[in-house]
Protein backbone atom coordinates (compact mmCIF):
# COMPACT_ATOMS: atom_id res chain seq x y z
CA MET A 1 112.22 106.65 90.75
CA VAL A 2 110.61 106.59 94.19
CA GLN A 3 109.18 103.10 93.63
CA ARG A 4 112.58 101.82 92.50
CA GLY A 5 114.17 103.26 95.63
CA LYS A 6 111.56 101.55 97.83
CA THR A 7 112.12 98.24 96.03
CA LEU A 8 115.89 98.55 96.45
CA ALA A 9 115.56 99.36 100.17
CA LYS A 10 113.15 96.47 100.76
CA GLY A 11 115.46 94.04 98.94
CA GLY A 12 118.42 95.22 101.02
CA LEU A 13 116.51 94.67 104.26
CA GLU A 14 115.40 91.20 103.18
CA ALA A 15 118.99 90.32 102.24
CA ALA A 16 119.99 91.31 105.79
CA GLY A 17 117.31 88.97 107.21
CA LEU A 18 114.75 91.67 107.99
CA MET A 19 111.36 91.03 106.42
CA LEU A 20 108.19 93.06 106.82
CA SER A 21 105.29 90.74 107.62
CA PRO A 22 101.84 90.94 106.02
CA PHE A 23 100.30 91.13 109.53
CA THR A 24 98.89 94.32 111.03
CA VAL A 25 98.92 94.33 114.83
CA ASP A 26 97.92 97.34 116.95
CA GLY A 27 97.37 99.41 113.80
CA ARG A 28 100.84 98.94 112.25
CA GLN A 29 102.39 96.45 109.88
CA ARG A 30 104.97 94.47 111.89
CA TRP A 31 108.36 92.87 111.17
CA PHE A 32 108.93 89.13 111.23
CA ALA A 33 110.98 88.06 114.27
CA GLU A 34 112.59 85.45 111.99
CA PRO A 35 112.05 84.50 108.34
CA PRO A 36 108.76 82.61 107.97
CA HIS A 37 108.89 78.86 107.42
CA MET A 38 106.37 76.08 106.97
CA HIS A 39 103.13 77.04 108.73
CA ALA A 40 104.52 79.22 111.52
CA SER A 41 105.26 82.93 111.58
CA GLN A 42 106.66 84.89 114.50
CA VAL A 43 106.03 88.63 114.49
CA LEU A 44 108.17 91.05 116.46
CA LEU A 45 106.15 93.40 118.69
CA PRO A 46 107.66 96.30 120.60
CA ALA A 47 106.87 96.59 124.32
CA SER A 48 104.55 99.54 123.57
CA ALA A 49 102.30 97.45 121.26
CA THR A 50 99.17 95.71 122.49
CA ALA A 51 99.47 92.03 121.62
CA PRO A 52 96.37 90.25 120.35
CA ALA A 53 94.81 87.71 122.67
CA VAL A 54 94.54 84.05 121.74
CA GLY A 55 91.65 83.69 119.30
CA ASP A 56 91.67 87.34 118.15
CA ASP A 57 91.55 88.08 114.43
CA VAL A 58 94.70 89.66 112.97
CA ARG A 59 94.56 91.59 109.71
CA CYS A 60 96.78 90.06 107.01
CA ALA A 61 97.40 91.37 103.48
CA VAL A 62 98.40 88.58 101.08
CA ARG A 63 97.90 87.78 97.41
CA PHE A 64 94.94 85.48 96.90
CA THR A 65 96.88 83.50 94.26
CA THR A 66 99.51 82.35 96.77
CA ALA A 67 97.43 81.54 99.84
CA THR A 68 94.59 79.28 100.90
CA PHE A 69 92.30 80.24 103.73
CA ASP A 70 90.32 78.41 106.36
CA ARG A 71 88.06 81.42 106.81
CA ILE A 72 87.71 84.87 105.24
CA VAL A 73 86.28 87.84 107.15
CA LEU A 74 85.43 90.96 105.16
CA ASP A 75 85.06 94.30 106.94
């Protein structure tokens, strides 16, 4: 029941244009600022979050069957 409730809530947020991104910045998974398109993604960061610098690695959780990678870094 709990999983169904989570799925319903997530679907409702996505229908309203709010999508959780696969990116983890400053220790938390962040929301997309706008729906992703093509090869660009904008992530919404609150003022209290520390933004990554240009060239920093950002953790991203995606399915390997739907993505191709230029480089993979394993911790």
